[in-house]
Amino acid sequence: MTELLRDVRHAVRTLAGQRTFTLTALATLALGIGANTAMFSIVYGVLLRPLPYPDPDALVRVGQLRGRSRSTVALDNRTLPLIQEQARSFEELAAYGGASFEWASPAGTVTLRGARVSPSMFPLLRATPHLGRFFAEEEARVGADRVAVLSHGA
């Protein structure tokens, strides 16, 4: 133990005598640790953190390849029913697409960010409404009244 204390005292005296080197080494360590922590936080938040749904490993995103660039696009209204009829390896299929909506409130018009989803989206995610109900199949048909599911934030 005395040798360890003697070595620590010697290291502190040496570092105190070479302040430029000590400050450079400490700044390099601080930047490296900070950058590493920031990158891990981003990677964990985007790639590693599990989805907030029951059994997230069973969720799969299905899309179509279009054009020469082979870019992936969402399924259209003609393709989804065909896949629902013929696919045997999926428990449930649902469609979604990002959208923004105008909501007229007593305070004025508010733009809400959301998604257009098929009625099967909520059972697929095993979600339950806190108040009210989710969509019914007949409400998803062309010409039916438009309905919305709002979050607590909305």
C-alpha atoms as a PDB file:
ATOM      1  CA  MET A   1       0.000   0.000   0.000  1.00  0.00           C
ATOM      2  CA  THR A   2       2.853   2.379   0.764  1.00  0.00           C
ATOM      3  CA  GLU A   3       4.332   1.742  -2.704  1.00  0.00           C
ATOM      4  CA  LEU A   4       0.990   2.621  -4.316  1.00  0.00           C
ATOM      5  CA  LEU A   5       0.774   5.873  -2.361  1.00  0.00           C
ATOM      6  CA  ARG A   6       4.369   6.719  -3.265  1.00  0.00           C
ATOM      7  CA  ASP A   7       3.634   6.055  -6.977  1.00  0.00           C
ATOM      8  CA  VAL A   8       0.511   8.222  -6.869  1.00  0.00           C
ATOM      9  CA  ARG A   9       2.387  11.084  -5.190  1.00  0.00           C
ATOM     10  CA  HIS A  10       5.160  10.818  -7.796  1.00  0.00           C
ATOM     11  CA  ALA A  11       2.592  10.868 -10.678  1.00  0.00           C
ATOM     12  CA  VAL A  12       0.827  13.927  -9.212  1.00  0.00           C
ATOM     13  CA  ARG A  13       4.120  15.802  -8.786  1.00  0.00           C
ATOM     14  CA  THR A  14       5.198  14.919 -12.343  1.00  0.00           C
ATOM     15  CA  LEU A  15       1.845  16.013 -13.833  1.00  0.00           C
ATOM     16  CA  ALA A  16       1.825  19.219 -11.768  1.00  0.00           C
ATOM     17  CA  GLY A  17       5.266  20.070 -13.149  1.00  0.00           C
ATOM     18  CA  GLN A  18       4.110  19.648 -16.778  1.00  0.00           C
ATOM     19  CA  ARG A  19       0.867  21.628 -16.785  1.00  0.00           C
ATOM     20  CA  THR A  20       0.544  21.978 -20.581  1.00  0.00           C
ATOM     21  CA  PHE A  21       0.762  18.210 -21.099  1.00  0.00           C
ATOM     22  CA  THR A  22      -1.615  17.560 -18.184  1.00  0.00           C
ATOM     23  CA  LEU A  23      -4.250  20.002 -19.452  1.00  0.00           C
ATOM     24  CA  THR A  24      -3.967  18.623 -23.002  1.00  0.00           C
ATOM     25  CA  ALA A  25      -4.350  15.035 -21.770  1.00  0.00           C
ATOM     26  CA  LEU A  26      -7.344  15.948 -19.559  1.00  0.00           C
ATOM     27  CA  ALA A  27      -9.048  17.868 -22.405  1.00  0.00           C
ATOM     28  CA  THR A  28      -8.499  14.933 -24.780  1.00  0.00           C
ATOM     29  CA  LEU A  29      -9.930  12.494 -22.250  1.00  0.00           C
ATOM     30  CA  ALA A  30     -12.936  14.728 -21.561  1.00  0.00           C
ATOM     31  CA  LEU A  31     -13.710  15.172 -25.270  1.00  0.00           C
ATOM     32  CA  GLY A  32     -13.305  11.456 -25.960  1.00  0.00           C
ATOM     33  CA  ILE A  33     -15.532  10.395 -23.076  1.00  0.00           C
ATOM     34  CA  GLY A  34     -18.137  13.044 -23.961  1.00  0.00           C
ATOM     35  CA  ALA A  35     -18.219  12.089 -27.656  1.00  0.00           C
ATOM     36  CA  ASN A  36     -18.436   8.392 -26.791  1.00  0.00           C
ATOM     37  CA  THR A  37     -21.315   9.002 -24.383  1.00  0.00           C
ATOM     38  CA  ALA A  38     -23.184  11.142 -26.929  1.00  0.00           C
ATOM     39  CA  MET A  39     -22.774   8.563 -29.710  1.00  0.00           C
ATOM     40  CA  PHE A  40     -23.921   5.714 -27.465  1.00  0.00           C
ATOM     41  CA  SER A  41     -26.976   7.723 -26.389  1.00  0.00           C
ATOM     42  CA  ILE A  42     -27.938   8.356 -30.019  1.00  0.00           C
ATOM     43  CA  VAL A  43     -27.346   4.758 -31.129  1.00  0.00           C
ATOM     44  CA  TYR A  44     -29.257   3.383 -28.152  1.00  0.00           C
ATOM     45  CA  GLY A  45     -32.171   5.769 -28.645  1.00  0.00           C
ATOM     46  CA  VAL A  46     -32.471   5.105 -32.378  1.00  0.00           C
ATOM     47  CA  LEU A  47     -31.361   1.495 -32.863  1.00  0.00           C
ATOM     48  CA  LEU A  48     -31.060  -0.495 -29.655  1.00  0.00           C
ATOM     49  CA  ARG A  49     -33.943   0.557 -27.406  1.00  0.00           C
ATOM     50  CA  PRO A  50     -36.853  -1.866 -27.787  1.00  0.00           C
ATOM     51  CA  LEU A  51     -40.127  -0.565 -29.191  1.00  0.00           C
ATOM     52  CA  PRO A  52     -42.741   0.355 -26.557  1.00  0.00           C
ATOM     53  CA  TYR A  53     -45.108  -2.468 -27.570  1.00  0.00           C
ATOM     54  CA  PRO A  54     -45.651  -5.979 -26.242  1.00  0.00           C
ATOM     55  CA  ASP A  55     -43.493  -8.502 -28.124  1.00  0.00           C
ATOM     56  CA  PRO A  56     -41.612  -5.924 -30.249  1.00  0.00           C
ATOM     57  CA  ASP A  57     -39.414  -8.596 -31.886  1.00  0.00           C
ATOM     58  CA  ALA A  58     -42.464  -9.959 -33.706  1.00  0.00           C
ATOM     59  CA  LEU A  59     -43.199  -6.654 -35.511  1.00  0.00           C
ATOM     60  CA  VAL A  60     -42.123  -6.479 -39.153  1.00  0.00           C
ATOM     61  CA  ARG A  61     -42.357  -3.577 -41.599  1.00  0.00           C
ATOM     62  CA  VAL A  62     -43.375  -4.625 -45.099  1.00  0.00           C
ATOM     63  CA  GLY A  63     -42.994  -2.392 -48.146  1.00  0.00           C
ATOM     64  CA  GLN A  64     -42.772  -2.474 -51.923  1.00  0.00           C
ATOM     65  CA  LEU A  65     -39.732  -1.917 -54.104  1.00  0.00           C
ATOM     66  CA  ARG A  66     -40.436   0.628 -56.814  1.00  0.00           C
ATOM     67  CA  GLY A  67     -38.570   1.858 -59.857  1.00  0.00           C
ATOM     68  CA  ARG A  68     -35.014   1.341 -60.998  1.00  0.00           C
ATOM     69  CA  SER A  69     -33.651   2.794 -57.764  1.00  0.00           C
ATOM     70  CA  ARG A  70     -35.364  -0.051 -55.875  1.00  0.00           C
ATOM     71  CA  SER A  71     -36.488   2.367 -53.171  1.00  0.00           C
ATOM     72  CA  THR A  72     -38.908   1.053 -50.555  1.00  0.00           C
ATOM     73  CA  VAL A  73     -42.353   2.641 -50.415  1.00  0.00           C
ATOM     74  CA  ALA A  74     -45.390   1.880 -48.304  1.00  0.00           C
ATOM     75  CA  LEU A  75     -48.031  -0.543 -49.498  1.00  0.00           C
ATOM     76  CA  ASP A  76     -50.929   0.966 -51.384  1.00  0.00           C
ATOM     77  CA  ASN A  77     -54.640   0.253 -50.852  1.00  0.00           C
ATOM     78  CA  ARG A  78     -54.667  -2.383 -53.618  1.00  0.00           C
ATOM     79  CA  THR A  79     -51.674  -4.366 -52.371  1.00  0.00           C
ATOM     80  CA  LEU A  80     -52.515  -4.594 -48.658  1.00  0.00           C
ATOM     81  CA  PRO A  81     -55.721  -6.654 -49.116  1.00  0.00           C
ATOM     82  CA  LEU A  82     -53.878  -9.048 -51.457  1.00  0.00           C
ATOM     83  CA  ILE A  83     -51.169  -9.642 -48.880  1.00  0.00           C
ATOM     84  CA  GLN A  84     -53.790 -10.044 -46.114  1.00  0.00           C
ATOM     85  CA  GLU A  85     -55.523 -12.759 -48.154  1.00  0.00           C
ATOM     86  CA  GLN A  86     -52.411 -14.691 -49.155  1.00  0.00           C
ATOM     87  CA  ALA A  87     -49.837 -14.213 -46.386  1.00  0.00           C
ATOM     88  CA  ARG A  88     -49.873 -17.057 -43.885  1.00  0.00           C
ATOM     89  CA  SER A  89     -46.844 -16.069 -41.819  1.00  0.00           C
ATOM     90  CA  PHE A  90     -48.336 -12.869 -40.385  1.00  0.00           C
ATOM     91  CA  GLU A  91     -50.716 -12.828 -37.438  1.00  0.00           C
ATOM     92  CA  GLU A  92     -52.039  -9.390 -38.409  1.00  0.00           C
ATOM     93  CA  LEU A  93     -51.348  -6.742 -41.057  1.00  0.00           C
ATOM     94  CA  ALA A  94     -51.967  -3.013 -40.749  1.00  0.00           C
ATOM     95  CA  ALA A  95     -51.286   0.025 -42.907  1.00  0.00           C
ATOM     96  CA  TYR A  96     -50.027   3.410 -41.782  1.00  0.00           C
ATOM     97  CA  GLY A  97     -48.665   6.610 -43.248  1.00  0.00           C
ATOM     98  CA  GLY A  98     -47.575   9.881 -41.698  1.00  0.00           C
ATOM     99  CA  ALA A  99     -49.856  12.888 -42.128  1.00  0.00           C
ATOM    100  CA  SER A 100     -50.753  16.251 -40.637  1.00  0.00           C
ATOM    101  CA  PHE A 101     -54.304  17.286 -39.821  1.00  0.00           C
ATOM    102  CA  GLU A 102     -56.047  20.596 -39.267  1.00  0.00           C
ATOM    103  CA  TRP A 103     -58.198  20.732 -36.129  1.00  0.00           C
ATOM    104  CA  ALA A 104     -60.586  23.609 -35.577  1.00  0.00           C
ATOM    105  CA  SER A 105     -60.720  24.440 -31.884  1.00  0.00           C
ATOM    106  CA  PRO A 106     -62.402  27.375 -30.104  1.00  0.00           C
ATOM    107  CA  ALA A 107     -58.947  28.995 -29.877  1.00  0.00           C
ATOM    108  CA  GLY A 108     -58.377  28.676 -33.648  1.00  0.00           C
ATOM    109  CA  THR A 109     -57.062  26.128 -36.117  1.00  0.00           C
ATOM    110  CA  VAL A 110     -54.334  23.836 -34.868  1.00  0.00           C
ATOM    111  CA  THR A 111     -52.137  21.573 -37.014  1.00  0.00           C
ATOM    112  CA  LEU A 112     -51.663  18.113 -35.489  1.00  0.00           C
ATOM    113  CA  ARG A 113     -49.001  15.644 -36.599  1.00  0.00           C
ATOM    114  CA  GLY A 114     -50.219  12.074 -36.810  1.00  0.00           C
ATOM    115  CA  ALA A 115     -50.779   9.100 -39.087  1.00  0.00           C
ATOM    116  CA  ARG A 116     -53.468   7.540 -41.205  1.00  0.00           C
ATOM    117  CA  VAL A 117     -53.831   3.973 -39.989  1.00  0.00           C
ATOM    118  CA  SER A 118     -56.000   1.009 -40.813  1.00  0.00           C
ATOM    119  CA  PRO A 119     -58.407  -0.283 -38.123  1.00  0.00           C
ATOM    120  CA  SER A 120     -56.181  -3.323 -37.572  1.00  0.00           C
ATOM    121  CA  MET A 121     -53.270  -1.152 -36.334  1.00  0.00           C
ATOM    122  CA  PHE A 122     -54.388  -0.978 -32.708  1.00  0.00           C
ATOM    123  CA  PRO A 123     -55.058  -4.717 -32.236  1.00  0.00           C
ATOM    124  CA  LEU A 124     -51.717  -5.390 -33.935  1.00  0.00           C
ATOM    125  CA  LEU A 125     -49.913  -3.250 -31.349  1.00  0.00           C
ATOM    126  CA  ARG A 126     -52.125  -4.676 -28.582  1.00  0.00           C
ATOM    127  CA  ALA A 127     -53.136  -1.140 -27.618  1.00  0.00           C
ATOM    128  CA  THR A 128     -56.179  -0.327 -25.526  1.00  0.00           C
ATOM    129  CA  PRO A 129     -57.929   3.038 -25.505  1.00  0.00           C
ATOM    130  CA  HIS A 130     -57.872   4.991 -22.280  1.00  0.00           C
ATOM    131  CA  LEU A 131     -61.222   6.536 -23.108  1.00  0.00           C
ATOM    132  CA  GLY A 132     -63.644   5.789 -25.955  1.00  0.00           C
ATOM    133  CA  ARG A 133     -62.844   3.225 -28.635  1.00  0.00           C
ATOM    134  CA  PHE A 134     -60.669   2.607 -31.691  1.00  0.00           C
ATOM    135  CA  PHE A 135     -61.786   2.453 -35.329  1.00  0.00           C
ATOM    136  CA  ALA A 136     -64.305  -0.049 -36.649  1.00  0.00           C
ATOM    137  CA  GLU A 137     -63.843  -1.737 -40.050  1.00  0.00           C
ATOM    138  CA  GLU A 138     -66.896   0.001 -41.529  1.00  0.00           C
ATOM    139  CA  GLU A 139     -65.374   3.395 -40.688  1.00  0.00           C
ATOM    140  CA  ALA A 140     -62.406   2.655 -42.972  1.00  0.00           C
ATOM    141  CA  ARG A 141     -64.554   2.294 -46.090  1.00  0.00           C
ATOM    142  CA  VAL A 142     -64.715   4.973 -48.785  1.00  0.00           C
ATOM    143  CA  GLY A 143     -67.498   7.474 -48.057  1.00  0.00           C
ATOM    144  CA  ALA A 144     -67.699   6.714 -44.326  1.00  0.00           C
ATOM    145  CA  ASP A 145     -67.556   9.522 -41.767  1.00  0.00           C
ATOM    146  CA  ARG A 146     -64.020  10.431 -40.756  1.00  0.00           C
ATOM    147  CA  VAL A 147     -63.036   9.515 -37.221  1.00  0.00           C
ATOM    148  CA  ALA A 148     -59.914  10.178 -35.191  1.00  0.00           C
ATOM    149  CA  VAL A 149     -58.064   8.716 -32.220  1.00  0.00           C
ATOM    150  CA  LEU A 150     -56.403  11.446 -30.171  1.00  0.00           C
ATOM    151  CA  SER A 151     -53.488  11.131 -27.784  1.00  0.00           C
ATOM    152  CA  HIS A 152     -53.324  12.748 -24.362  1.00  0.00           C
ATOM    153  CA  GLY A 153     -51.092  15.442 -25.863  1.00  0.00           C
ATOM    154  CA  ALA A 154     -53.668  16.385 -28.479  1.00  0.00           C
END
